Amino acid sequence: MANINNLADAGLKGQLLVVLCGPFTKTQVALARAQTLVNSDKVIAAYEWLRANNYHYREITIPEPEDLPIPQIITDDM
């Protein structure tokens, strides 16, 4: 949650940046995209589990799904 707040404070609310450096095949790019998808239902479920099972998270506010960062891959061809 702290990292999400830091991104929001930096003006990147709702974004998660993925940086790929070097030449990649189309297959490698597709794999990177698949591995960086965020399933908001799983993220919210994880927060709920932590809140119920870890006293460090008892007071945390669970974010709304629309506030979760969405990964973006920026390529040279954009």
Foldseek 3Di string as FASTA:
>chain_A
DVVQVVCVVVVNFQADEDDDDDDDDPVRVVVVLVVQADDLVVVLVVLVCCCVPPVVSVPPDRDDSSRHHGYDYDDPVD
